[in-house]
Amino acid sequence: MYLKIILCINIMCDTIEKRGRKKKYNSEEEFLENRREACRIRKFLKFYETKYKIKLRPDQIEEAKKHRKTILQALPILDFLNSLEVIE
């Protein structure tokens, strides 16, 4: 398994095709660093979606981290407001 991963990294280290464009990496470390970053972002987005039922975009991650406490305090209020019936 380990050998298979190394071979895969060596092959992909040269060129990676992503959404129709190829990205060239200078080293395996750069490739792995980009993979770790993408995995970290994907894990954060999935965590917020499963735990708090909030769907974030990748560009909203920094704001969500800054205002985490406020978001968590506002969620019960939002649930209450959604349960209310609005008379027009």
PDB file of N, CA and C in Angstrom:
ATOM      1  N   MET A   1       0.829  -1.188   0.000  1.00  0.00           N
ATOM      2  CA  MET A   1       0.000   0.000   0.000  1.00  0.00           C
ATOM      3  C   MET A   1       0.874   1.253   0.000  1.00  0.00           C
ATOM      4  N   TYR A   2       1.897   1.266   0.873  1.00  0.00           N
ATOM      5  CA  TYR A   2       2.781   2.419   0.965  1.00  0.00           C
ATOM      6  C   TYR A   2       3.510   2.653  -0.356  1.00  0.00           C
ATOM      7  N   LEU A   3       3.978   1.572  -0.977  1.00  0.00           N
ATOM      8  CA  LEU A   3       4.680   1.675  -2.248  1.00  0.00           C
ATOM      9  C   LEU A   3       3.747   2.213  -3.325  1.00  0.00           C
ATOM     10  N   LYS A   4       2.496   1.791  -3.283  1.00  0.00           N
ATOM     11  CA  LYS A   4       1.516   2.249  -4.269  1.00  0.00           C
ATOM     12  C   LYS A   4       1.295   3.750  -4.139  1.00  0.00           C
ATOM     13  N   ILE A   5       1.229   4.255  -2.907  1.00  0.00           N
ATOM     14  CA  ILE A   5       1.046   5.689  -2.685  1.00  0.00           C
ATOM     15  C   ILE A   5       2.251   6.465  -3.191  1.00  0.00           C
ATOM     16  N   ILE A   6       3.451   5.965  -2.920  1.00  0.00           N
ATOM     17  CA  ILE A   6       4.660   6.642  -3.372  1.00  0.00           C
ATOM     18  C   ILE A   6       4.714   6.694  -4.894  1.00  0.00           C
ATOM     19  N   LEU A   7       4.376   5.582  -5.547  1.00  0.00           N
ATOM     20  CA  LEU A   7       4.366   5.569  -7.003  1.00  0.00           C
ATOM     21  C   LEU A   7       3.341   6.544  -7.555  1.00  0.00           C
ATOM     22  N   CYS A   8       2.189   6.583  -6.923  1.00  0.00           N
ATOM     23  CA  CYS A   8       1.142   7.494  -7.352  1.00  0.00           C
ATOM     24  C   CYS A   8       1.596   8.938  -7.200  1.00  0.00           C
ATOM     25  N   ILE A   9       2.254   9.263  -6.103  1.00  0.00           N
ATOM     26  CA  ILE A   9       2.750  10.620  -5.874  1.00  0.00           C
ATOM     27  C   ILE A   9       3.812  10.971  -6.898  1.00  0.00           C
ATOM     28  N   ASN A  10       4.714  10.034  -7.177  1.00  0.00           N
ATOM     29  CA  ASN A  10       5.763  10.305  -8.158  1.00  0.00           C
ATOM     30  C   ASN A  10       5.180  10.571  -9.535  1.00  0.00           C
ATOM     31  N   ILE A  11       4.160   9.846  -9.901  1.00  0.00           N
ATOM     32  CA  ILE A  11       3.537  10.049 -11.209  1.00  0.00           C
ATOM     33  C   ILE A  11       2.808  11.389 -11.231  1.00  0.00           C
ATOM     34  N   MET A  12       2.101  11.692 -10.147  1.00  0.00           N
ATOM     35  CA  MET A  12       1.299  12.902 -10.106  1.00  0.00           C
ATOM     36  C   MET A  12       2.127  14.133  -9.786  1.00  0.00           C
ATOM     37  N   CYS A  13       3.325  13.962  -9.347  1.00  0.00           N
ATOM     38  CA  CYS A  13       4.175  15.084  -8.970  1.00  0.00           C
ATOM     39  C   CYS A  13       4.489  15.970 -10.170  1.00  0.00           C
ATOM     40  N   ASP A  14       4.625  15.365 -11.323  1.00  0.00           N
ATOM     41  CA  ASP A  14       4.955  16.118 -12.524  1.00  0.00           C
ATOM     42  C   ASP A  14       3.812  17.041 -12.934  1.00  0.00           C
ATOM     43  N   THR A  15       2.654  16.455 -13.223  1.00  0.00           N
ATOM     44  CA  THR A  15       1.515  17.268 -13.639  1.00  0.00           C
ATOM     45  C   THR A  15       0.257  16.736 -12.990  1.00  0.00           C
ATOM     46  N   ILE A  16      -0.567  17.641 -12.538  1.00  0.00           N
ATOM     47  CA  ILE A  16      -1.846  17.303 -11.947  1.00  0.00           C
ATOM     48  C   ILE A  16      -2.912  18.036 -12.756  1.00  0.00           C
ATOM     49  N   GLU A  17      -3.899  17.299 -13.229  1.00  0.00           N
ATOM     50  CA  GLU A  17      -4.974  17.926 -13.986  1.00  0.00           C
ATOM     51  C   GLU A  17      -6.125  18.207 -13.035  1.00  0.00           C
ATOM     52  N   LYS A  18      -6.526  19.453 -12.988  1.00  0.00           N
ATOM     53  CA  LYS A  18      -7.614  19.846 -12.105  1.00  0.00           C
ATOM     54  C   LYS A  18      -8.532  20.776 -12.879  1.00  0.00           C
ATOM     55  N   ARG A  19      -9.750  20.334 -13.085  1.00  0.00           N
ATOM     56  CA  ARG A  19     -10.757  21.106 -13.808  1.00  0.00           C
ATOM     57  C   ARG A  19     -10.268  21.569 -15.167  1.00  0.00           C
ATOM     58  N   GLY A  20      -9.641  20.684 -15.884  1.00  0.00           N
ATOM     59  CA  GLY A  20      -9.238  20.981 -17.243  1.00  0.00           C
ATOM     60  C   GLY A  20      -7.897  21.683 -17.381  1.00  0.00           C
ATOM     61  N   ARG A  21      -7.286  22.104 -16.307  1.00  0.00           N
ATOM     62  CA  ARG A  21      -5.983  22.741 -16.418  1.00  0.00           C
ATOM     63  C   ARG A  21      -4.956  21.916 -15.644  1.00  0.00           C
ATOM     64  N   LYS A  22      -3.726  21.967 -16.091  1.00  0.00           N
ATOM     65  CA  LYS A  22      -2.686  21.184 -15.442  1.00  0.00           C
ATOM     66  C   LYS A  22      -1.876  22.077 -14.536  1.00  0.00           C
ATOM     67  N   LYS A  23      -1.595  21.569 -13.364  1.00  0.00           N
ATOM     68  CA  LYS A  23      -0.773  22.302 -12.408  1.00  0.00           C
ATOM     69  C   LYS A  23       0.528  21.541 -12.231  1.00  0.00           C
ATOM     70  N   LYS A  24       1.617  22.243 -12.349  1.00  0.00           N
ATOM     71  CA  LYS A  24       2.922  21.600 -12.211  1.00  0.00           C
ATOM     72  C   LYS A  24       3.454  21.849 -10.805  1.00  0.00           C
ATOM     73  N   TYR A  25       3.951  20.776 -10.206  1.00  0.00           N
ATOM     74  CA  TYR A  25       4.560  20.855  -8.886  1.00  0.00           C
ATOM     75  C   TYR A  25       6.047  20.619  -9.021  1.00  0.00           C
ATOM     76  N   ASN A  26       6.806  21.375  -8.256  1.00  0.00           N
ATOM     77  CA  ASN A  26       8.260  21.258  -8.320  1.00  0.00           C
ATOM     78  C   ASN A  26       8.780  20.086  -7.506  1.00  0.00           C
ATOM     79  N   SER A  27       8.033  19.687  -6.485  1.00  0.00           N
ATOM     80  CA  SER A  27       8.514  18.604  -5.635  1.00  0.00           C
ATOM     81  C   SER A  27       7.336  17.861  -5.037  1.00  0.00           C
ATOM     82  N   GLU A  28       7.635  16.721  -4.453  1.00  0.00           N
ATOM     83  CA  GLU A  28       6.611  15.928  -3.778  1.00  0.00           C
ATOM     84  C   GLU A  28       6.093  16.667  -2.552  1.00  0.00           C
ATOM     85  N   GLU A  29       6.977  17.405  -1.883  1.00  0.00           N
ATOM     86  CA  GLU A  29       6.569  18.144  -0.690  1.00  0.00           C
ATOM     87  C   GLU A  29       5.519  19.195  -1.028  1.00  0.00           C
ATOM     88  N   GLU A  30       5.713  19.885  -2.151  1.00  0.00           N
ATOM     89  CA  GLU A  30       4.743  20.897  -2.581  1.00  0.00           C
ATOM     90  C   GLU A  30       3.394  20.242  -2.910  1.00  0.00           C
ATOM     91  N   PHE A  31       3.464  19.109  -3.591  1.00  0.00           N
ATOM     92  CA  PHE A  31       2.243  18.373  -3.928  1.00  0.00           C
ATOM     93  C   PHE A  31       1.519  17.930  -2.656  1.00  0.00           C
ATOM     94  N   LEU A  32       2.255  17.359  -1.701  1.00  0.00           N
ATOM     95  CA  LEU A  32       1.650  16.893  -0.459  1.00  0.00           C
ATOM     96  C   LEU A  32       1.098  18.051   0.370  1.00  0.00           C
ATOM     97  N   GLU A  33       1.793  19.170   0.354  1.00  0.00           N
ATOM     98  CA  GLU A  33       1.315  20.341   1.089  1.00  0.00           C
ATOM     99  C   GLU A  33      -0.014  20.834   0.520  1.00  0.00           C
ATOM    100  N   ASN A  34      -0.122  20.875  -0.787  1.00  0.00           N
ATOM    101  CA  ASN A  34      -1.383  21.285  -1.415  1.00  0.00           C
ATOM    102  C   ASN A  34      -2.496  20.290  -1.122  1.00  0.00           C
ATOM    103  N   ARG A  35      -2.172  19.019  -1.130  1.00  0.00           N
ATOM    104  CA  ARG A  35      -3.173  17.993  -0.813  1.00  0.00           C
ATOM    105  C   ARG A  35      -3.651  18.122   0.635  1.00  0.00           C
ATOM    106  N   ARG A  36      -2.720  18.356   1.557  1.00  0.00           N
ATOM    107  CA  ARG A  36      -3.086  18.519   2.969  1.00  0.00           C
ATOM    108  C   ARG A  36      -4.000  19.724   3.165  1.00  0.00           C
ATOM    109  N   GLU A  37      -3.672  20.822   2.492  1.00  0.00           N
ATOM    110  CA  GLU A  37      -4.481  22.032   2.603  1.00  0.00           C
ATOM    111  C   GLU A  37      -5.893  21.794   2.070  1.00  0.00           C
ATOM    112  N   ALA A  38      -5.989  21.135   0.919  1.00  0.00           N
ATOM    113  CA  ALA A  38      -7.305  20.836   0.342  1.00  0.00           C
ATOM    114  C   ALA A  38      -8.089  19.894   1.244  1.00  0.00           C
ATOM    115  N   CYS A  39      -7.423  18.938   1.834  1.00  0.00           N
ATOM    116  CA  CYS A  39      -8.071  17.988   2.741  1.00  0.00           C
ATOM    117  C   CYS A  39      -8.543  18.700   4.004  1.00  0.00           C
ATOM    118  N   ARG A  40      -7.737  19.616   4.531  1.00  0.00           N
ATOM    119  CA  ARG A  40      -8.097  20.372   5.722  1.00  0.00           C
ATOM    120  C   ARG A  40      -9.342  21.221   5.471  1.00  0.00           C
ATOM    121  N   ILE A  41      -9.398  21.869   4.317  1.00  0.00           N
ATOM    122  CA  ILE A  41     -10.556  22.700   3.969  1.00  0.00           C
ATOM    123  C   ILE A  41     -11.794  21.834   3.816  1.00  0.00           C
ATOM    124  N   ARG A  42     -11.658  20.722   3.110  1.00  0.00           N
ATOM    125  CA  ARG A  42     -12.801  19.820   2.897  1.00  0.00           C
ATOM    126  C   ARG A  42     -13.319  19.270   4.223  1.00  0.00           C
ATOM    127  N   LYS A  43     -12.417  18.930   5.132  1.00  0.00           N
ATOM    128  CA  LYS A  43     -12.813  18.407   6.436  1.00  0.00           C
ATOM    129  C   LYS A  43     -13.537  19.470   7.262  1.00  0.00           C
ATOM    130  N   PHE A  44     -13.052  20.712   7.230  1.00  0.00           N
ATOM    131  CA  PHE A  44     -13.687  21.799   7.961  1.00  0.00           C
ATOM    132  C   PHE A  44     -15.106  22.044   7.449  1.00  0.00           C
ATOM    133  N   LEU A  45     -15.266  22.083   6.117  1.00  0.00           N
ATOM    134  CA  LEU A  45     -16.582  22.322   5.534  1.00  0.00           C
ATOM    135  C   LEU A  45     -17.551  21.195   5.870  1.00  0.00           C
ATOM    136  N   LYS A  46     -17.069  19.964   5.818  1.00  0.00           N
ATOM    137  CA  LYS A  46     -17.923  18.818   6.140  1.00  0.00           C
ATOM    138  C   LYS A  46     -18.298  18.821   7.625  1.00  0.00           C
ATOM    139  N   PHE A  47     -17.374  19.208   8.494  1.00  0.00           N
ATOM    140  CA  PHE A  47     -17.644  19.278   9.929  1.00  0.00           C
ATOM    141  C   PHE A  47     -18.765  20.274  10.218  1.00  0.00           C
ATOM    142  N   TYR A  48     -18.679  21.453   9.641  1.00  0.00           N
ATOM    143  CA  TYR A  48     -19.717  22.451   9.863  1.00  0.00           C
ATOM    144  C   TYR A  48     -21.060  21.999   9.299  1.00  0.00           C
ATOM    145  N   GLU A  49     -21.017  21.318   8.173  1.00  0.00           N
ATOM    146  CA  GLU A  49     -22.266  20.856   7.562  1.00  0.00           C
ATOM    147  C   GLU A  49     -22.931  19.756   8.393  1.00  0.00           C
ATOM    148  N   THR A  50     -22.159  18.815   8.920  1.00  0.00           N
ATOM    149  CA  THR A  50     -22.757  17.717   9.679  1.00  0.00           C
ATOM    150  C   THR A  50     -23.099  18.121  11.111  1.00  0.00           C
ATOM    151  N   LYS A  51     -22.236  18.900  11.755  1.00  0.00           N
ATOM    152  CA  LYS A  51     -22.451  19.230  13.165  1.00  0.00           C
ATOM    153  C   LYS A  51     -23.449  20.368  13.358  1.00  0.00           C
ATOM    154  N   TYR A  52     -23.314  21.428  12.580  1.00  0.00           N
ATOM    155  CA  TYR A  52     -24.132  22.620  12.795  1.00  0.00           C
ATOM    156  C   TYR A  52     -25.188  22.844  11.711  1.00  0.00           C
ATOM    157  N   LYS A  53     -25.200  22.010  10.677  1.00  0.00           N
ATOM    158  CA  LYS A  53     -26.156  22.142   9.561  1.00  0.00           C
ATOM    159  C   LYS A  53     -25.994  23.485   8.849  1.00  0.00           C
ATOM    160  N   ILE A  54     -24.743  23.902   8.712  1.00  0.00           N
ATOM    161  CA  ILE A  54     -24.417  25.136   8.000  1.00  0.00           C
ATOM    162  C   ILE A  54     -23.558  24.777   6.799  1.00  0.00           C
ATOM    163  N   LYS A  55     -23.967  25.243   5.642  1.00  0.00           N
ATOM    164  CA  LYS A  55     -23.192  24.968   4.435  1.00  0.00           C
ATOM    165  C   LYS A  55     -22.355  26.212   4.122  1.00  0.00           C
ATOM    166  N   LEU A  56     -21.046  26.072   4.243  1.00  0.00           N
ATOM    167  CA  LEU A  56     -20.123  27.172   3.992  1.00  0.00           C
ATOM    168  C   LEU A  56     -19.432  26.984   2.653  1.00  0.00           C
ATOM    169  N   ARG A  57     -18.945  28.093   2.118  1.00  0.00           N
ATOM    170  CA  ARG A  57     -18.087  28.047   0.935  1.00  0.00           C
ATOM    171  C   ARG A  57     -16.639  28.192   1.402  1.00  0.00           C
ATOM    172  N   PRO A  58     -15.690  27.741   0.621  1.00  0.00           N
ATOM    173  CA  PRO A  58     -14.284  27.832   1.052  1.00  0.00           C
ATOM    174  C   PRO A  58     -13.829  29.260   1.359  1.00  0.00           C
ATOM    175  N   ASP A  59     -14.397  30.253   0.681  1.00  0.00           N
ATOM    176  CA  ASP A  59     -13.969  31.625   0.949  1.00  0.00           C
ATOM    177  C   ASP A  59     -14.574  32.187   2.241  1.00  0.00           C
ATOM    178  N   GLN A  60     -15.488  31.467   2.874  1.00  0.00           N
ATOM    179  CA  GLN A  60     -16.112  31.914   4.118  1.00  0.00           C
ATOM    180  C   GLN A  60     -15.483  31.296   5.364  1.00  0.00           C
ATOM    181  N   ILE A  61     -14.476  30.477   5.199  1.00  0.00           N
ATOM    182  CA  ILE A  61     -13.883  29.749   6.318  1.00  0.00           C
ATOM    183  C   ILE A  61     -13.269  30.693   7.353  1.00  0.00           C
ATOM    184  N   GLU A  62     -12.517  31.690   6.896  1.00  0.00           N
ATOM    185  CA  GLU A  62     -11.857  32.605   7.836  1.00  0.00           C
ATOM    186  C   GLU A  62     -12.876  33.369   8.675  1.00  0.00           C
ATOM    187  N   GLU A  63     -13.945  33.846   8.059  1.00  0.00           N
ATOM    188  CA  GLU A  63     -14.982  34.564   8.803  1.00  0.00           C
ATOM    189  C   GLU A  63     -15.681  33.635   9.789  1.00  0.00           C
ATOM    190  N   ALA A  64     -15.919  32.398   9.386  1.00  0.00           N
ATOM    191  CA  ALA A  64     -16.562  31.429  10.276  1.00  0.00           C
ATOM    192  C   ALA A  64     -15.674  31.141  11.489  1.00  0.00           C
ATOM    193  N   LYS A  65     -14.374  31.087  11.283  1.00  0.00           N
ATOM    194  CA  LYS A  65     -13.459  30.858  12.398  1.00  0.00           C
ATOM    195  C   LYS A  65     -13.422  32.063  13.337  1.00  0.00           C
ATOM    196  N   LYS A  66     -13.475  33.283  12.779  1.00  0.00           N
ATOM    197  CA  LYS A  66     -13.451  34.494  13.601  1.00  0.00           C
ATOM    198  C   LYS A  66     -14.702  34.598  14.471  1.00  0.00           C
ATOM    199  N   HIS A  67     -15.853  34.279  13.887  1.00  0.00           N
ATOM    200  CA  HIS A  67     -17.132  34.487  14.547  1.00  0.00           C
ATOM    201  C   HIS A  67     -17.776  33.182  15.006  1.00  0.00           C
ATOM    202  N   ARG A  68     -16.974  32.211  15.360  1.00  0.00           N
ATOM    203  CA  ARG A  68     -17.479  30.888  15.731  1.00  0.00           C
ATOM    204  C   ARG A  68     -18.443  30.950  16.907  1.00  0.00           C
ATOM    205  N   LYS A  69     -18.068  31.663  17.965  1.00  0.00           N
ATOM    206  CA  LYS A  69     -18.926  31.739  19.152  1.00  0.00           C
ATOM    207  C   LYS A  69     -20.254  32.412  18.837  1.00  0.00           C
ATOM    208  N   THR A  70     -20.207  33.469  18.063  1.00  0.00           N
ATOM    209  CA  THR A  70     -21.428  34.184  17.702  1.00  0.00           C
ATOM    210  C   THR A  70     -22.345  33.302  16.865  1.00  0.00           C
ATOM    211  N   ILE A  71     -21.768  32.560  15.953  1.00  0.00           N
ATOM    212  CA  ILE A  71     -22.556  31.655  15.113  1.00  0.00           C
ATOM    213  C   ILE A  71     -23.237  30.598  15.972  1.00  0.00           C
ATOM    214  N   LEU A  72     -22.479  30.018  16.905  1.00  0.00           N
ATOM    215  CA  LEU A  72     -23.040  28.975  17.760  1.00  0.00           C
ATOM    216  C   LEU A  72     -24.134  29.517  18.676  1.00  0.00           C
ATOM    217  N   GLN A  73     -24.012  30.768  19.100  1.00  0.00           N
ATOM    218  CA  GLN A  73     -25.055  31.373  19.926  1.00  0.00           C
ATOM    219  C   GLN A  73     -26.290  31.715  19.095  1.00  0.00           C
ATOM    220  N   ALA A  74     -26.124  32.016  17.823  1.00  0.00           N
ATOM    221  CA  ALA A  74     -27.237  32.423  16.972  1.00  0.00           C
ATOM    222  C   ALA A  74     -28.034  31.229  16.436  1.00  0.00           C
ATOM    223  N   LEU A  75     -27.456  30.055  16.406  1.00  0.00           N
ATOM    224  CA  LEU A  75     -28.159  28.900  15.838  1.00  0.00           C
ATOM    225  C   LEU A  75     -29.472  28.570  16.544  1.00  0.00           C
ATOM    226  N   PRO A  76     -29.531  28.523  17.887  1.00  0.00           N
ATOM    227  CA  PRO A  76     -30.818  28.256  18.533  1.00  0.00           C
ATOM    228  C   PRO A  76     -31.853  29.344  18.249  1.00  0.00           C
ATOM    229  N   ILE A  77     -31.404  30.581  18.145  1.00  0.00           N
ATOM    230  CA  ILE A  77     -32.322  31.678  17.839  1.00  0.00           C
ATOM    231  C   ILE A  77     -32.885  31.518  16.432  1.00  0.00           C
ATOM    232  N   LEU A  78     -32.038  31.129  15.494  1.00  0.00           N
ATOM    233  CA  LEU A  78     -32.506  30.896  14.124  1.00  0.00           C
ATOM    234  C   LEU A  78     -33.511  29.757  14.063  1.00  0.00           C
ATOM    235  N   ASP A  79     -33.270  28.699  14.808  1.00  0.00           N
ATOM    236  CA  ASP A  79     -34.222  27.590  14.841  1.00  0.00           C
ATOM    237  C   ASP A  79     -35.575  28.056  15.376  1.00  0.00           C
ATOM    238  N   PHE A  80     -35.541  28.873  16.439  1.00  0.00           N
ATOM    239  CA  PHE A  80     -36.779  29.400  17.007  1.00  0.00           C
ATOM    240  C   PHE A  80     -37.502  30.296  15.999  1.00  0.00           C
ATOM    241  N   LEU A  81     -36.763  31.177  15.328  1.00  0.00           N
ATOM    242  CA  LEU A  81     -37.386  32.072  14.346  1.00  0.00           C
ATOM    243  C   LEU A  81     -37.974  31.303  13.175  1.00  0.00           C
ATOM    244  N   ASN A  82     -37.312  30.238  12.763  1.00  0.00           N
ATOM    245  CA  ASN A  82     -37.838  29.422  11.664  1.00  0.00           C
ATOM    246  C   ASN A  82     -39.107  28.683  12.068  1.00  0.00           C
ATOM    247  N   SER A  83     -39.251  28.399  13.351  1.00  0.00           N
ATOM    248  CA  SER A  83     -40.440  27.668  13.798  1.00  0.00           C
ATOM    249  C   SER A  83     -41.653  28.585  13.978  1.00  0.00           C
ATOM    250  N   LEU A  84     -41.413  29.893  14.036  1.00  0.00           N
ATOM    251  CA  LEU A  84     -42.524  30.832  14.191  1.00  0.00           C
ATOM    252  C   LEU A  84     -43.334  30.945  12.907  1.00  0.00           C
ATOM    253  N   GLU A  85     -44.590  31.255  13.082  1.00  0.00           N
ATOM    254  CA  GLU A  85     -45.464  31.444  11.932  1.00  0.00           C
ATOM    255  C   GLU A  85     -45.599  32.936  11.677  1.00  0.00           C
ATOM    256  N   VAL A  86     -45.363  33.348  10.469  1.00  0.00           N
ATOM    257  CA  VAL A  86     -45.415  34.766  10.126  1.00  0.00           C
ATOM    258  C   VAL A  86     -46.791  35.083   9.557  1.00  0.00           C
ATOM    259  N   ILE A  87     -47.433  36.125  10.088  1.00  0.00           N
ATOM    260  CA  ILE A  87     -48.736  36.564   9.594  1.00  0.00           C
ATOM    261  C   ILE A  87     -48.516  37.753   8.684  1.00  0.00           C
ATOM    262  N   GLU A  88     -49.078  37.663   7.501  1.00  0.00           N
ATOM    263  CA  GLU A  88     -48.910  38.771   6.537  1.00  0.00           C
ATOM    264  C   GLU A  88     -50.156  39.599   6.448  1.00  0.00           C
TER     265      GLU A  88
END
